[in-house]
Amino acid sequence: MSTPRLFLDDALAEGAERHGTAAQAHHLGTVLRRGVGEAVRVFNARDGEFAATIAHLRKDRCAFALGPRLRAPGPEPDLRLVVAALKRDALDWVVEKATELGVSVIQPVLTRRTVAERVNTERLSAIARGAAEQCERLSVPALRPAMPLHRALDGWDGAPLLVAAERRGAAPVASVASGLRLPCGWLVGPEGGFEGAELDDATRRAFVTAVALGPRILRAETAAVAGLAVLQALAGDWTAT
């Protein structure tokens, strides 16, 4: 039986006792059937990962007694995802997989063909936390509130941003990504794709490069994950030994 990992935003240190959330208490007690005295691991990007035991557990409350540190904090890849607001199930899946792929920031954007009426940032943040706990990373990606695409681009810090541009005759993503190093970002449009003028406005910016993801038209959620995997493999921390 694997040891549960739990993200705690509070300062972590050996010998301390820290409280978990109501959701974590429910997951440990009701879903995993764990009890007081059983082992867990707690973590965050600031302090690292610690061995711990369940000190208190009720239906909606829990606390953990922290033991020795198992992993020290370390550098995290600055790989960012800018993704058009998709339908709920598709966006949930993208957030989960982007977390597993090591993304540091997820920025939902509103485009002219966006069909989703709203983005539940709180729910997506919880999905990201759960995915971080499962995939053994120390950090949880920041989930930014949804905003119009042009505003996200206006506020971009100049790091290279690749955009999936089907039917544009763009260079293959691998040929562009192989010349990059982090920080960089990946921009994916909505289910119906970007409008032409919208894509033109994005690619007029010096930091934006249009790239192609092969000869097939991909669903938005597939394009999001495929592009992130290429960037991690060629420019990110998949290159580390």
C-alpha atoms as a PDB file:
ATOM      1  CA  MET A   1       0.000   0.000   0.000  1.00  0.00           C
ATOM      2  CA  SER A   2       1.513   3.327  -1.031  1.00  0.00           C
ATOM      3  CA  THR A   3       1.992   6.122   1.489  1.00  0.00           C
ATOM      4  CA  PRO A   4      -0.394   9.046   0.846  1.00  0.00           C
ATOM      5  CA  ARG A   5       1.217  12.387  -0.059  1.00  0.00           C
ATOM      6  CA  LEU A   6      -0.483  15.590   1.070  1.00  0.00           C
ATOM      7  CA  PHE A   7       0.250  19.176   0.068  1.00  0.00           C
ATOM      8  CA  LEU A   8       0.346  21.586   3.031  1.00  0.00           C
ATOM      9  CA  ASP A   9       0.903  25.273   2.447  1.00  0.00           C
ATOM     10  CA  ASP A  10       1.989  25.928   6.061  1.00  0.00           C
ATOM     11  CA  ALA A  11       5.671  25.998   7.040  1.00  0.00           C
ATOM     12  CA  LEU A  12       6.958  22.445   7.509  1.00  0.00           C
ATOM     13  CA  ALA A  13       9.664  21.363   9.967  1.00  0.00           C
ATOM     14  CA  GLU A  14      10.628  18.178  11.787  1.00  0.00           C
ATOM     15  CA  GLY A  15       8.822  17.911  15.129  1.00  0.00           C
ATOM     16  CA  ALA A  16       5.984  20.236  14.166  1.00  0.00           C
ATOM     17  CA  GLU A  17       2.294  19.390  14.065  1.00  0.00           C
ATOM     18  CA  ARG A  18       0.333  20.756  11.138  1.00  0.00           C
ATOM     19  CA  HIS A  19      -3.371  20.705  10.297  1.00  0.00           C
ATOM     20  CA  GLY A  20      -4.767  19.460   7.006  1.00  0.00           C
ATOM     21  CA  THR A  21      -7.920  20.477   5.189  1.00  0.00           C
ATOM     22  CA  ALA A  22     -11.401  19.043   5.495  1.00  0.00           C
ATOM     23  CA  ALA A  23     -10.997  17.489   2.047  1.00  0.00           C
ATOM     24  CA  GLN A  24      -7.777  15.782   3.115  1.00  0.00           C
ATOM     25  CA  ALA A  25      -9.481  14.460   6.271  1.00  0.00           C
ATOM     26  CA  HIS A  26     -12.304  13.042   4.178  1.00  0.00           C
ATOM     27  CA  HIS A  27      -9.901  11.467   1.698  1.00  0.00           C
ATOM     28  CA  LEU A  28      -7.762   9.856   4.398  1.00  0.00           C
ATOM     29  CA  GLY A  29     -10.578   8.612   6.607  1.00  0.00           C
ATOM     30  CA  THR A  30     -13.387   7.810   4.193  1.00  0.00           C
ATOM     31  CA  VAL A  31     -11.666   7.010   0.904  1.00  0.00           C
ATOM     32  CA  LEU A  32      -8.343   5.509   2.036  1.00  0.00           C
ATOM     33  CA  ARG A  33      -9.579   4.156   5.407  1.00  0.00           C
ATOM     34  CA  ARG A  34      -6.476   5.388   7.210  1.00  0.00           C
ATOM     35  CA  GLY A  35      -6.332   6.043  10.943  1.00  0.00           C
ATOM     36  CA  VAL A  36      -4.347   7.777  13.668  1.00  0.00           C
ATOM     37  CA  GLY A  37      -0.709   6.707  13.773  1.00  0.00           C
ATOM     38  CA  GLU A  38      -0.510   5.678  10.117  1.00  0.00           C
ATOM     39  CA  ALA A  39       2.183   7.063   7.853  1.00  0.00           C
ATOM     40  CA  VAL A  40       1.756   9.890   5.367  1.00  0.00           C
ATOM     41  CA  ARG A  41       4.098  12.298   3.623  1.00  0.00           C
ATOM     42  CA  VAL A  42       3.546  16.044   3.536  1.00  0.00           C
ATOM     43  CA  PHE A  43       5.202  18.504   1.197  1.00  0.00           C
ATOM     44  CA  ASN A  44       5.424  21.910  -0.402  1.00  0.00           C
ATOM     45  CA  ALA A  45       7.890  23.598  -2.737  1.00  0.00           C
ATOM     46  CA  ARG A  46       9.211  25.951  -0.053  1.00  0.00           C
ATOM     47  CA  ASP A  47      10.185  23.379   2.598  1.00  0.00           C
ATOM     48  CA  GLY A  48      10.415  20.039   0.783  1.00  0.00           C
ATOM     49  CA  GLU A  49       8.851  16.712   1.726  1.00  0.00           C
ATOM     50  CA  PHE A  50       8.593  15.201   5.205  1.00  0.00           C
ATOM     51  CA  ALA A  51       7.682  11.855   6.691  1.00  0.00           C
ATOM     52  CA  ALA A  52       4.700  12.227   9.003  1.00  0.00           C
ATOM     53  CA  THR A  53       2.045  10.319  10.884  1.00  0.00           C
ATOM     54  CA  ILE A  54      -1.644  11.076  11.339  1.00  0.00           C
ATOM     55  CA  ALA A  55      -1.927  12.697  14.772  1.00  0.00           C
ATOM     56  CA  HIS A  56      -5.681  13.464  14.704  1.00  0.00           C
ATOM     57  CA  LEU A  57      -8.398  12.448  12.274  1.00  0.00           C
ATOM     58  CA  ARG A  58     -12.074  13.306  12.298  1.00  0.00           C
ATOM     59  CA  LYS A  59     -14.650  13.551   9.536  1.00  0.00           C
ATOM     60  CA  ASP A  60     -13.640  17.089   8.568  1.00  0.00           C
ATOM     61  CA  ARG A  61     -10.432  17.673  10.541  1.00  0.00           C
ATOM     62  CA  CYS A  62      -6.961  16.179  10.570  1.00  0.00           C
ATOM     63  CA  ALA A  63      -3.467  16.934  11.829  1.00  0.00           C
ATOM     64  CA  PHE A  64      -0.053  15.451  11.172  1.00  0.00           C
ATOM     65  CA  ALA A  65       3.053  14.984  13.324  1.00  0.00           C
ATOM     66  CA  LEU A  66       6.068  15.698  11.143  1.00  0.00           C
ATOM     67  CA  GLY A  67       9.159  13.518  11.185  1.00  0.00           C
ATOM     68  CA  PRO A  68      12.430  13.883   9.275  1.00  0.00           C
ATOM     69  CA  ARG A  69      12.688  15.632   5.931  1.00  0.00           C
ATOM     70  CA  LEU A  70      12.831  13.183   3.027  1.00  0.00           C
ATOM     71  CA  ARG A  71      13.441  15.642   0.161  1.00  0.00           C
ATOM     72  CA  ALA A  72      14.875  19.114   0.189  1.00  0.00           C
ATOM     73  CA  PRO A  73      13.268  21.827  -1.934  1.00  0.00           C
ATOM     74  CA  GLY A  74      14.821  22.302  -5.353  1.00  0.00           C
ATOM     75  CA  PRO A  75      14.388  24.283  -8.561  1.00  0.00           C
ATOM     76  CA  GLU A  76      11.114  23.789 -10.393  1.00  0.00           C
ATOM     77  CA  PRO A  77      10.727  24.153 -14.184  1.00  0.00           C
ATOM     78  CA  ASP A  78       9.204  27.457 -15.288  1.00  0.00           C
ATOM     79  CA  LEU A  79       6.976  26.000 -17.991  1.00  0.00           C
ATOM     80  CA  ARG A  80       3.678  27.820 -18.449  1.00  0.00           C
ATOM     81  CA  LEU A  81       0.405  26.841 -20.075  1.00  0.00           C
ATOM     82  CA  VAL A  82      -1.944  29.432 -21.549  1.00  0.00           C
ATOM     83  CA  VAL A  83      -5.095  27.608 -22.595  1.00  0.00           C
ATOM     84  CA  ALA A  84      -8.457  28.770 -23.865  1.00  0.00           C
ATOM     85  CA  ALA A  85     -11.272  27.997 -21.451  1.00  0.00           C
ATOM     86  CA  LEU A  86     -12.541  24.580 -22.532  1.00  0.00           C
ATOM     87  CA  LYS A  87     -15.612  22.652 -21.484  1.00  0.00           C
ATOM     88  CA  ARG A  88     -15.465  21.485 -17.888  1.00  0.00           C
ATOM     89  CA  ASP A  89     -14.355  17.864 -18.333  1.00  0.00           C
ATOM     90  CA  ALA A  90     -11.741  18.758 -20.947  1.00  0.00           C
ATOM     91  CA  LEU A  91     -10.273  21.587 -18.877  1.00  0.00           C
ATOM     92  CA  ASP A  92     -10.216  19.425 -15.736  1.00  0.00           C
ATOM     93  CA  TRP A  93      -8.233  16.812 -17.663  1.00  0.00           C
ATOM     94  CA  VAL A  94      -5.822  19.397 -19.068  1.00  0.00           C
ATOM     95  CA  VAL A  95      -5.103  20.789 -15.598  1.00  0.00           C
ATOM     96  CA  GLU A  96      -4.452  17.320 -14.204  1.00  0.00           C
ATOM     97  CA  LYS A  97      -2.096  16.338 -17.031  1.00  0.00           C
ATOM     98  CA  ALA A  98      -0.338  19.718 -17.114  1.00  0.00           C
ATOM     99  CA  THR A  99       0.391  19.294 -13.417  1.00  0.00           C
ATOM    100  CA  GLU A 100       1.861  15.849 -14.040  1.00  0.00           C
ATOM    101  CA  LEU A 101       4.006  17.342 -16.813  1.00  0.00           C
ATOM    102  CA  GLY A 102       5.536  19.890 -14.439  1.00  0.00           C
ATOM    103  CA  VAL A 103       3.800  23.107 -15.485  1.00  0.00           C
ATOM    104  CA  SER A 104       4.356  26.008 -13.095  1.00  0.00           C
ATOM    105  CA  VAL A 105       1.480  28.302 -14.137  1.00  0.00           C
ATOM    106  CA  ILE A 106      -1.847  27.598 -15.817  1.00  0.00           C
ATOM    107  CA  GLN A 107      -3.556  30.656 -17.290  1.00  0.00           C
ATOM    108  CA  PRO A 108      -7.052  30.088 -18.735  1.00  0.00           C
ATOM    109  CA  VAL A 109      -7.948  32.672 -21.382  1.00  0.00           C
ATOM    110  CA  LEU A 110     -11.140  33.781 -23.091  1.00  0.00           C
ATOM    111  CA  THR A 111     -11.096  33.854 -26.878  1.00  0.00           C
ATOM    112  CA  ARG A 112     -13.663  34.699 -29.529  1.00  0.00           C
ATOM    113  CA  ARG A 113     -14.635  31.044 -29.971  1.00  0.00           C
ATOM    114  CA  THR A 114     -14.515  30.090 -26.307  1.00  0.00           C
ATOM    115  CA  VAL A 115     -17.640  28.115 -25.445  1.00  0.00           C
ATOM    116  CA  ALA A 116     -17.198  27.771 -21.680  1.00  0.00           C
ATOM    117  CA  GLU A 117     -19.162  30.429 -19.814  1.00  0.00           C
ATOM    118  CA  ARG A 118     -17.006  30.430 -16.673  1.00  0.00           C
ATOM    119  CA  VAL A 119     -13.876  28.892 -15.187  1.00  0.00           C
ATOM    120  CA  ASN A 120     -14.025  27.537 -11.639  1.00  0.00           C
ATOM    121  CA  THR A 121     -10.500  28.360 -10.478  1.00  0.00           C
ATOM    122  CA  GLU A 122     -11.091  26.898  -7.008  1.00  0.00           C
ATOM    123  CA  ARG A 123     -12.093  23.507  -8.420  1.00  0.00           C
ATOM    124  CA  LEU A 124      -9.179  23.507 -10.868  1.00  0.00           C
ATOM    125  CA  SER A 125      -6.758  24.374  -8.062  1.00  0.00           C
ATOM    126  CA  ALA A 126      -8.011  21.365  -6.103  1.00  0.00           C
ATOM    127  CA  ILE A 127      -7.476  19.149  -9.162  1.00  0.00           C
ATOM    128  CA  ALA A 128      -3.927  20.486  -9.495  1.00  0.00           C
ATOM    129  CA  ARG A 129      -3.203  19.774  -5.817  1.00  0.00           C
ATOM    130  CA  GLY A 130      -4.463  16.226  -6.156  1.00  0.00           C
ATOM    131  CA  ALA A 131      -2.386  15.633  -9.266  1.00  0.00           C
ATOM    132  CA  ALA A 132       0.730  17.039  -7.556  1.00  0.00           C
ATOM    133  CA  GLU A 133       0.177  14.671  -4.642  1.00  0.00           C
ATOM    134  CA  GLN A 134      -0.056  11.700  -7.002  1.00  0.00           C
ATOM    135  CA  CYS A 135       2.874  12.494  -9.308  1.00  0.00           C
ATOM    136  CA  GLU A 136       5.422  13.226  -6.544  1.00  0.00           C
ATOM    137  CA  ARG A 137       6.278  16.783  -7.501  1.00  0.00           C
ATOM    138  CA  LEU A 138       6.855  19.247  -4.664  1.00  0.00           C
ATOM    139  CA  SER A 139       5.064  22.247  -6.142  1.00  0.00           C
ATOM    140  CA  VAL A 140       1.488  22.851  -7.220  1.00  0.00           C
ATOM    141  CA  PRO A 141       0.973  24.978 -10.335  1.00  0.00           C
ATOM    142  CA  ALA A 142      -0.539  28.405  -9.852  1.00  0.00           C
ATOM    143  CA  LEU A 143      -4.062  28.598 -11.325  1.00  0.00           C
ATOM    144  CA  ARG A 144      -4.672  32.120 -12.543  1.00  0.00           C
ATOM    145  CA  PRO A 145      -8.162  33.601 -12.952  1.00  0.00           C
ATOM    146  CA  ALA A 146      -9.454  33.497 -16.527  1.00  0.00           C
ATOM    147  CA  MET A 147      -8.906  36.659 -18.559  1.00  0.00           C
ATOM    148  CA  PRO A 148      -9.206  37.755 -22.204  1.00  0.00           C
ATOM    149  CA  LEU A 149      -6.373  36.491 -24.384  1.00  0.00           C
ATOM    150  CA  HIS A 150      -5.185  39.962 -25.353  1.00  0.00           C
ATOM    151  CA  ARG A 151      -4.860  40.935 -21.691  1.00  0.00           C
ATOM    152  CA  ALA A 152      -2.815  37.815 -20.902  1.00  0.00           C
ATOM    153  CA  LEU A 153      -0.505  38.613 -23.816  1.00  0.00           C
ATOM    154  CA  ASP A 154      -0.239  42.279 -22.807  1.00  0.00           C
ATOM    155  CA  GLY A 155       0.929  41.191 -19.347  1.00  0.00           C
ATOM    156  CA  TRP A 156       3.375  38.522 -20.568  1.00  0.00           C
ATOM    157  CA  ASP A 157       6.963  39.002 -19.401  1.00  0.00           C
ATOM    158  CA  GLY A 158       8.630  38.334 -22.766  1.00  0.00           C
ATOM    159  CA  ALA A 159       9.541  34.665 -22.260  1.00  0.00           C
ATOM    160  CA  PRO A 160       9.181  32.637 -25.489  1.00  0.00           C
ATOM    161  CA  LEU A 161       5.567  31.593 -26.061  1.00  0.00           C
ATOM    162  CA  LEU A 162       4.782  28.975 -28.682  1.00  0.00           C
ATOM    163  CA  VAL A 163       1.269  28.813 -30.088  1.00  0.00           C
ATOM    164  CA  ALA A 164      -0.354  25.828 -31.771  1.00  0.00           C
ATOM    165  CA  ALA A 165      -1.358  27.159 -35.202  1.00  0.00           C
ATOM    166  CA  GLU A 166      -3.000  24.600 -37.448  1.00  0.00           C
ATOM    167  CA  ARG A 167      -3.154  25.293 -41.187  1.00  0.00           C
ATOM    168  CA  ARG A 168      -0.609  28.122 -40.959  1.00  0.00           C
ATOM    169  CA  GLY A 169       2.376  26.416 -42.566  1.00  0.00           C
ATOM    170  CA  ALA A 170       4.305  26.965 -39.349  1.00  0.00           C
ATOM    171  CA  ALA A 171       7.569  25.247 -38.446  1.00  0.00           C
ATOM    172  CA  PRO A 172       7.299  21.923 -36.567  1.00  0.00           C
ATOM    173  CA  VAL A 173       7.167  22.394 -32.823  1.00  0.00           C
ATOM    174  CA  ALA A 174      10.221  20.183 -32.283  1.00  0.00           C
ATOM    175  CA  SER A 175      12.450  22.316 -34.504  1.00  0.00           C
ATOM    176  CA  VAL A 176      11.549  25.470 -32.557  1.00  0.00           C
ATOM    177  CA  ALA A 177      11.514  23.923 -29.077  1.00  0.00           C
ATOM    178  CA  SER A 178      14.954  22.354 -29.507  1.00  0.00           C
ATOM    179  CA  GLY A 179      16.468  25.849 -29.519  1.00  0.00           C
ATOM    180  CA  LEU A 180      14.705  27.011 -26.337  1.00  0.00           C
ATOM    181  CA  ARG A 181      15.383  26.817 -22.639  1.00  0.00           C
ATOM    182  CA  LEU A 182      12.981  27.533 -19.828  1.00  0.00           C
ATOM    183  CA  PRO A 183      11.208  29.779 -19.011  1.00  0.00           C
ATOM    184  CA  CYS A 184       8.818  29.402 -21.899  1.00  0.00           C
ATOM    185  CA  GLY A 185       5.122  28.893 -22.489  1.00  0.00           C
ATOM    186  CA  TRP A 186       2.615  26.997 -24.607  1.00  0.00           C
ATOM    187  CA  LEU A 187      -0.564  28.629 -25.934  1.00  0.00           C
ATOM    188  CA  VAL A 188      -3.538  26.544 -27.080  1.00  0.00           C
ATOM    189  CA  GLY A 189      -6.796  27.835 -28.518  1.00  0.00           C
ATOM    190  CA  PRO A 190     -10.413  26.752 -28.002  1.00  0.00           C
ATOM    191  CA  GLU A 191     -12.274  23.788 -29.461  1.00  0.00           C
ATOM    192  CA  GLY A 192     -13.013  25.715 -32.662  1.00  0.00           C
ATOM    193  CA  GLY A 193      -9.517  27.169 -32.950  1.00  0.00           C
ATOM    194  CA  PHE A 194      -8.428  30.786 -32.933  1.00  0.00           C
ATOM    195  CA  GLU A 195     -10.032  33.231 -35.322  1.00  0.00           C
ATOM    196  CA  GLY A 196      -7.556  34.357 -37.965  1.00  0.00           C
ATOM    197  CA  ALA A 197      -7.354  37.953 -36.723  1.00  0.00           C
ATOM    198  CA  GLU A 198      -6.900  36.737 -33.176  1.00  0.00           C
ATOM    199  CA  LEU A 199      -3.949  34.549 -34.142  1.00  0.00           C
ATOM    200  CA  ASP A 200      -2.500  37.363 -36.251  1.00  0.00           C
ATOM    201  CA  ASP A 201      -2.611  39.675 -33.239  1.00  0.00           C
ATOM    202  CA  ALA A 202      -0.828  37.100 -31.081  1.00  0.00           C
ATOM    203  CA  THR A 203       1.935  36.320 -33.565  1.00  0.00           C
ATOM    204  CA  ARG A 204       2.697  40.005 -34.163  1.00  0.00           C
ATOM    205  CA  ARG A 205       4.220  40.030 -30.700  1.00  0.00           C
ATOM    206  CA  ALA A 206       7.961  39.374 -30.742  1.00  0.00           C
ATOM    207  CA  PHE A 207       7.844  36.669 -28.079  1.00  0.00           C
ATOM    208  CA  VAL A 208       5.136  34.570 -29.810  1.00  0.00           C
ATOM    209  CA  THR A 209       6.062  31.906 -32.392  1.00  0.00           C
ATOM    210  CA  ALA A 210       3.498  29.860 -34.315  1.00  0.00           C
ATOM    211  CA  VAL A 211       4.310  26.151 -34.541  1.00  0.00           C
ATOM    212  CA  ALA A 212       2.718  23.055 -36.036  1.00  0.00           C
ATOM    213  CA  LEU A 213       1.829  19.820 -34.258  1.00  0.00           C
ATOM    214  CA  GLY A 214       1.973  17.517 -37.244  1.00  0.00           C
ATOM    215  CA  PRO A 215      -0.343  16.680 -40.136  1.00  0.00           C
ATOM    216  CA  ARG A 216      -3.458  15.895 -38.073  1.00  0.00           C
ATOM    217  CA  ILE A 217      -5.899  18.291 -36.445  1.00  0.00           C
ATOM    218  CA  LEU A 218      -5.843  17.678 -32.699  1.00  0.00           C
ATOM    219  CA  ARG A 219      -8.499  18.339 -30.123  1.00  0.00           C
ATOM    220  CA  ALA A 220      -7.626  21.310 -27.920  1.00  0.00           C
ATOM    221  CA  GLU A 221      -6.928  19.151 -24.880  1.00  0.00           C
ATOM    222  CA  THR A 222      -4.718  16.806 -26.919  1.00  0.00           C
ATOM    223  CA  ALA A 223      -2.773  19.751 -28.329  1.00  0.00           C
ATOM    224  CA  ALA A 224      -2.228  21.137 -24.826  1.00  0.00           C
ATOM    225  CA  VAL A 225      -0.680  17.936 -23.511  1.00  0.00           C
ATOM    226  CA  ALA A 226       1.257  17.100 -26.693  1.00  0.00           C
ATOM    227  CA  GLY A 227       2.906  20.518 -26.822  1.00  0.00           C
ATOM    228  CA  LEU A 228       3.840  20.481 -23.154  1.00  0.00           C
ATOM    229  CA  ALA A 229       5.439  17.058 -23.548  1.00  0.00           C
ATOM    230  CA  VAL A 230       7.558  18.291 -26.476  1.00  0.00           C
ATOM    231  CA  LEU A 231       8.671  21.367 -24.538  1.00  0.00           C
ATOM    232  CA  GLN A 232       9.603  19.314 -21.480  1.00  0.00           C
ATOM    233  CA  ALA A 233      11.507  16.800 -23.603  1.00  0.00           C
ATOM    234  CA  LEU A 234      13.484  19.370 -25.608  1.00  0.00           C
ATOM    235  CA  ALA A 235      13.718  22.454 -23.401  1.00  0.00           C
ATOM    236  CA  GLY A 236      12.572  21.453 -19.922  1.00  0.00           C
ATOM    237  CA  ASP A 237      13.589  19.217 -17.064  1.00  0.00           C
ATOM    238  CA  TRP A 238      13.192  15.966 -18.986  1.00  0.00           C
ATOM    239  CA  THR A 239      16.690  16.753 -20.273  1.00  0.00           C
ATOM    240  CA  ALA A 240      18.139  16.468 -16.745  1.00  0.00           C
ATOM    241  CA  THR A 241      20.174  13.380 -15.923  1.00  0.00           C
END
